[in-house]
Amino acid sequence: MAVLRLFASARVAAGTGRTEMSGSTVGEIVDAARSLYGPTFASQLETCGIWLNGEPAVAADPVTESDEVAILPPVSGG
């Protein structure tokens, strides 16, 4: 299972910052998280960046057991 890391508002909506998820692609991991954490979490995904092992990812990117998928909401500051 891949590690799913959640940050900022996605972490708050899910109630956790880290979990393990099954899936063979980034899209499957994100879909599993959407189902597990519900509509409040799912609404956060519309504006989030998805990363695979520290690089921007797309839904079709393959995932192995040693990978880390991260969901990062936009950050602002000054």
N, C-alpha and C. Protein backbone atom coordinates (compact mmCIF):
# COMPACT_ATOMS: atom_id res chain seq x y z
N MET A 1 0.85 -1.18 0.00
CA MET A 1 0.00 0.00 0.00
C MET A 1 0.88 1.24 0.00
N ALA A 2 0.47 2.23 -0.75
CA ALA A 2 1.20 3.49 -0.81
C ALA A 2 0.84 4.36 0.39
N VAL A 3 1.74 5.24 0.74
CA VAL A 3 1.48 6.21 1.81
C VAL A 3 0.77 7.42 1.20
N LEU A 4 -0.30 7.85 1.83
CA LEU A 4 -1.01 9.06 1.43
C LEU A 4 -0.75 10.10 2.50
N ARG A 5 -0.19 11.24 2.10
CA ARG A 5 0.09 12.35 3.02
C ARG A 5 -0.88 13.48 2.70
N LEU A 6 -1.46 14.05 3.72
CA LEU A 6 -2.44 15.13 3.57
C LEU A 6 -1.94 16.35 4.33
N PHE A 7 -2.13 17.53 3.75
CA PHE A 7 -1.64 18.76 4.34
C PHE A 7 -2.74 19.80 4.45
N ALA A 8 -2.56 20.71 5.41
CA ALA A 8 -3.41 21.89 5.62
C ALA A 8 -4.90 21.51 5.68
N SER A 9 -5.73 22.16 4.87
CA SER A 9 -7.17 21.95 4.95
C SER A 9 -7.58 20.52 4.57
N ALA A 10 -6.83 19.86 3.70
CA ALA A 10 -7.13 18.46 3.37
C ALA A 10 -6.90 17.58 4.59
N ARG A 11 -5.87 17.89 5.35
CA ARG A 11 -5.59 17.15 6.58
C ARG A 11 -6.71 17.35 7.60
N VAL A 12 -7.16 18.57 7.74
CA VAL A 12 -8.25 18.88 8.68
C VAL A 12 -9.53 18.14 8.27
N ALA A 13 -9.86 18.20 6.98
CA ALA A 13 -11.08 17.56 6.49
C ALA A 13 -11.05 16.05 6.69
N ALA A 14 -9.87 15.44 6.54
CA ALA A 14 -9.75 13.99 6.69
C ALA A 14 -9.58 13.57 8.14
N GLY A 15 -9.11 14.47 8.97
CA GLY A 15 -8.87 14.13 10.36
C GLY A 15 -7.57 13.38 10.60
N THR A 16 -6.70 13.36 9.59
CA THR A 16 -5.40 12.70 9.70
C THR A 16 -4.46 13.30 8.67
N GLY A 17 -3.18 13.16 8.92
CA GLY A 17 -2.18 13.66 7.98
C GLY A 17 -1.48 12.57 7.20
N ARG A 18 -1.71 11.31 7.61
CA ARG A 18 -1.00 10.21 6.96
C ARG A 18 -1.80 8.93 7.10
N THR A 19 -1.87 8.18 6.00
CA THR A 19 -2.51 6.87 6.02
C THR A 19 -1.95 6.04 4.88
N GLU A 20 -2.22 4.77 4.87
CA GLU A 20 -1.83 3.91 3.77
C GLU A 20 -3.08 3.58 2.96
N MET A 21 -2.93 3.64 1.63
CA MET A 21 -4.07 3.42 0.74
C MET A 21 -3.68 2.42 -0.35
N SER A 22 -4.63 1.60 -0.75
CA SER A 22 -4.43 0.67 -1.86
C SER A 22 -4.82 1.35 -3.16
N GLY A 23 -4.07 1.05 -4.21
CA GLY A 23 -4.37 1.55 -5.54
C GLY A 23 -3.17 1.39 -6.43
N SER A 24 -3.41 1.23 -7.71
CA SER A 24 -2.29 1.05 -8.64
C SER A 24 -1.96 2.33 -9.40
N THR A 25 -2.79 3.36 -9.26
CA THR A 25 -2.51 4.66 -9.88
C THR A 25 -2.80 5.77 -8.87
N VAL A 26 -2.29 6.94 -9.16
CA VAL A 26 -2.58 8.11 -8.32
C VAL A 26 -4.09 8.33 -8.25
N GLY A 27 -4.77 8.19 -9.37
CA GLY A 27 -6.22 8.39 -9.40
C GLY A 27 -6.96 7.42 -8.49
N GLU A 28 -6.53 6.17 -8.45
CA GLU A 28 -7.16 5.19 -7.58
C GLU A 28 -6.93 5.53 -6.11
N ILE A 29 -5.74 6.01 -5.78
CA ILE A 29 -5.44 6.41 -4.40
C ILE A 29 -6.33 7.59 -4.00
N VAL A 30 -6.42 8.58 -4.86
CA VAL A 30 -7.24 9.77 -4.56
C VAL A 30 -8.71 9.39 -4.46
N ASP A 31 -9.18 8.53 -5.35
CA ASP A 31 -10.58 8.09 -5.29
C ASP A 31 -10.87 7.33 -4.01
N ALA A 32 -9.94 6.49 -3.57
CA ALA A 32 -10.11 5.74 -2.32
C ALA A 32 -10.18 6.71 -1.14
N ALA A 33 -9.34 7.73 -1.16
CA ALA A 33 -9.36 8.73 -0.08
C ALA A 33 -10.68 9.51 -0.11
N ARG A 34 -11.14 9.85 -1.29
CA ARG A 34 -12.42 10.57 -1.43
C ARG A 34 -13.55 9.75 -0.83
N SER A 35 -13.57 8.47 -1.10
CA SER A 35 -14.62 7.60 -0.56
C SER A 35 -14.49 7.45 0.96
N LEU A 36 -13.26 7.31 1.43
CA LEU A 36 -13.02 7.10 2.86
C LEU A 36 -13.35 8.34 3.69
N TYR A 37 -12.95 9.51 3.22
CA TYR A 37 -13.05 10.73 4.03
C TYR A 37 -14.29 11.59 3.75
N GLY A 38 -15.06 11.28 2.73
CA GLY A 38 -16.35 11.91 2.53
C GLY A 38 -16.36 13.23 1.77
N PRO A 39 -17.56 13.84 1.72
CA PRO A 39 -17.78 15.01 0.87
C PRO A 39 -16.99 16.26 1.26
N THR A 40 -16.77 16.48 2.54
CA THR A 40 -16.00 17.67 2.93
C THR A 40 -14.57 17.55 2.42
N PHE A 41 -13.99 16.37 2.55
CA PHE A 41 -12.65 16.13 2.01
C PHE A 41 -12.67 16.23 0.49
N ALA A 42 -13.65 15.61 -0.14
CA ALA A 42 -13.73 15.62 -1.61
C ALA A 42 -13.80 17.03 -2.16
N SER A 43 -14.49 17.93 -1.48
CA SER A 43 -14.59 19.31 -1.97
C SER A 43 -13.23 20.01 -1.91
N GLN A 44 -12.36 19.59 -1.01
CA GLN A 44 -11.01 20.17 -0.93
C GLN A 44 -10.17 19.80 -2.15
N LEU A 45 -10.43 18.65 -2.74
CA LEU A 45 -9.61 18.15 -3.83
C LEU A 45 -9.67 19.02 -5.08
N GLU A 46 -10.75 19.78 -5.24
CA GLU A 46 -10.92 20.61 -6.44
C GLU A 46 -9.78 21.61 -6.63
N THR A 47 -9.19 22.06 -5.54
CA THR A 47 -8.14 23.08 -5.64
C THR A 47 -6.76 22.57 -5.23
N CYS A 48 -6.66 21.30 -4.89
CA CYS A 48 -5.41 20.75 -4.38
C CYS A 48 -4.47 20.32 -5.51
N GLY A 49 -3.19 20.37 -5.20
CA GLY A 49 -2.18 19.76 -6.05
C GLY A 49 -1.94 18.34 -5.57
N ILE A 50 -1.69 17.44 -6.51
CA ILE A 50 -1.41 16.05 -6.18
C ILE A 50 0.03 15.77 -6.60
N TRP A 51 0.78 15.21 -5.68
CA TRP A 51 2.20 14.94 -5.92
C TRP A 51 2.50 13.47 -5.68
N LEU A 52 3.43 12.95 -6.45
CA LEU A 52 3.89 11.57 -6.30
C LEU A 52 5.40 11.61 -6.07
N ASN A 53 5.81 11.21 -4.89
CA ASN A 53 7.23 11.20 -4.54
C ASN A 53 7.90 12.55 -4.78
N GLY A 54 7.20 13.62 -4.43
CA GLY A 54 7.76 14.96 -4.52
C GLY A 54 7.68 15.62 -5.88
N GLU A 55 7.00 15.00 -6.83
CA GLU A 55 6.84 15.55 -8.18
C GLU A 55 5.36 15.68 -8.51
N PRO A 56 4.97 16.72 -9.27
CA PRO A 56 3.56 16.83 -9.67
C PRO A 56 3.09 15.55 -10.37
N ALA A 57 1.86 15.15 -10.08
CA ALA A 57 1.34 13.88 -10.60
C ALA A 57 0.02 14.09 -11.33
N VAL A 58 -0.30 13.13 -12.17
CA VAL A 58 -1.61 13.05 -12.83
C VAL A 58 -2.25 11.73 -12.43
N ALA A 59 -3.54 11.63 -12.64
CA ALA A 59 -4.31 10.46 -12.18
C ALA A 59 -3.78 9.14 -12.74
N ALA A 60 -3.26 9.14 -13.95
CA ALA A 60 -2.82 7.90 -14.59
C ALA A 60 -1.44 7.43 -14.13
N ASP A 61 -0.72 8.23 -13.35
CA ASP A 61 0.62 7.83 -12.91
C ASP A 61 0.54 6.56 -12.07
N PRO A 62 1.39 5.56 -12.37
CA PRO A 62 1.38 4.32 -11.59
C PRO A 62 1.95 4.53 -10.19
N VAL A 63 1.43 3.75 -9.25
CA VAL A 63 1.85 3.82 -7.85
C VAL A 63 2.25 2.42 -7.39
N THR A 64 3.36 2.35 -6.66
CA THR A 64 3.79 1.09 -6.07
C THR A 64 3.72 1.20 -4.55
N GLU A 65 3.99 0.11 -3.87
CA GLU A 65 3.91 0.09 -2.42
C GLU A 65 4.91 1.02 -1.75
N SER A 66 5.99 1.33 -2.42
CA SER A 66 7.02 2.19 -1.82
C SER A 66 6.82 3.67 -2.11
N ASP A 67 5.73 4.03 -2.80
CA ASP A 67 5.48 5.42 -3.20
C ASP A 67 4.73 6.21 -2.14
N GLU A 68 4.86 7.54 -2.27
CA GLU A 68 4.12 8.47 -1.40
C GLU A 68 3.34 9.42 -2.30
N VAL A 69 2.04 9.47 -2.07
CA VAL A 69 1.15 10.41 -2.75
C VAL A 69 0.80 11.50 -1.75
N ALA A 70 0.96 12.75 -2.16
CA ALA A 70 0.67 13.87 -1.28
C ALA A 70 -0.41 14.76 -1.87
N ILE A 71 -1.31 15.21 -1.02
CA ILE A 71 -2.37 16.14 -1.43
C ILE A 71 -2.11 17.45 -0.72
N LEU A 72 -1.85 18.50 -1.52
CA LEU A 72 -1.48 19.81 -0.98
C LEU A 72 -2.44 20.89 -1.45
N PRO A 73 -3.22 21.45 -0.55
CA PRO A 73 -4.07 22.58 -0.91
C PRO A 73 -3.21 23.79 -1.25
N PRO A 74 -3.78 24.75 -1.97
CA PRO A 74 -3.01 25.96 -2.28
C PRO A 74 -2.65 26.70 -1.00
N VAL A 75 -1.51 27.33 -1.03
CA VAL A 75 -1.01 28.07 0.14
C VAL A 75 -0.83 29.52 -0.25
N SER A 76 -1.25 30.40 0.64
CA SER A 76 -1.02 31.83 0.39
C SER A 76 -0.31 32.42 1.60
N GLY A 77 0.28 33.50 1.38
CA GLY A 77 0.99 34.15 2.49
C GLY A 77 1.79 35.31 1.95
N GLY A 78 2.48 35.95 2.86
CA GLY A 78 3.22 37.11 2.39
C GLY A 78 4.54 37.27 3.02
